[in-house]
């Protein structure tokens, strides 16, 4: 790779990715990727762990501030290394190929693929309110395998169809892909802003909920609550995965990251204010999270507008989830493409379609694995186990900023992280504290997640041997 960070394809005659995206496109990917089921589930958990209205709201503000600090660090990294792949690239450059590989491996087995599976099943569940068959989870065929059983039901068929449709859109190029993505992102933000506006103006809520006496909150519980909050904010780095396809990355990548992240923070804070306006904090903490994919939003909507609003919210949820799935179908494959181009993944994942100029094999492979997770029903466990890895790798990537600043002090940096070294340092310290607290309080889930991550080491060793053998035969 050149000093400028430009990609160096292994085969100069092969087609490459092209820069067709602007700042708005990057921001829409971030907004769609971040605003998913987290903001409709996590507030109930935070209300239990932080039973004080203003401290609960402060948790979301703190999470937003940390996300923005991390986003600005990523913006510098992306302009220093304007390549596809996001933190895979930064970790590889700063800490070596093993660190980069493990981040990309985790993205493939759970981070993107598991979240796509979760979203697709959620879409099918909401469609079931209008077409009961679409949400029917009764299996009509079971396929026993060695360790899992694949269950095919009407709901999984609908979920697989949604994944296949969005896969086709993003295989066909950035032209149709960006149009669909921007429309879905715009619709998502418009729906949420409308819900907030109508909730505060005509909804049956009460400002007295903000004055309710709260219970004491320990620092350990507050830190524990930050983990799912930060998970809800995860995805603010989505534009860095497509940095190689953004025009004038030195200008547009920071703009996309700043605009997208700021939009998410504002929307999240407004939604939490609306939730408290709709119901007392104790009721928010008692919401049944097993009911559906957006239980907090449904509960708040029923309080504000009555039970009849359920169908409208279900329709809105289908659009919002579709936007999230679309963003992940677009962003995730750029990680595996970058890994394959570096000899760190299956070589086929580096193939770019000669006409559409998309990493077609990587897109299809991610969708196939997502489909397997849908049929196996294991995506929720994977996301539970690897949730702490989102914070871990993000903290490590921001740490890479310090390493590359010291290692390459004279390198051209079109954008420099705001508040360096204080704000990036705070982000790294907070990430370490959250991960340590999670491991201490949830050793079982964290241990299982660590094993899943480390399971990639034998695969990395195999890729390394293959790459060495390839060089030896030249």
Foldseek 3Di string as FASTA:
>chain_A
DDQQQDDDFPDPPAFAFAADAFLLLLLLLLQLQQQALLLLFLLLVLCVQFVALVLSLVLLVVLLLLLLLLLLLQLLVCSSNLAAAGLLVLCCVQPNNLLSLLVLLLCQQFVLLLLLLVLLLQLQCLVCVVVVQSNDPDFPDWDDDDPFIFGDGSVLVSSLVLLVVLLVQVLQAPPSLSVLLSVLSVLLLVVLVVCLVCLVPQFPFAPVLNVDDGDDHDPLSSLLSSLSSNLSSPSLRLSSNCSVRHPPSLPSSSSNSNSNSVSNSVSSSSVSVLLSRQDHSVVSNVFDSVPGSRRSVQSSCCSTPNNVCSSVVSVSSSSSSSSNSSSSLNRSLSNQLVCLSVLQHPVLQVHADPPRRGSSVSSVSSSVSSSSCNRRVCNVLSCQLCSLVSLVSSLSSLVSSVSCCVVPVPRDRSRDRPPPPPSNVVSNVSSVVSSVSCCVVPVPSPVVSVVSSCVCVVVSVVSVVVVVVVVVVD
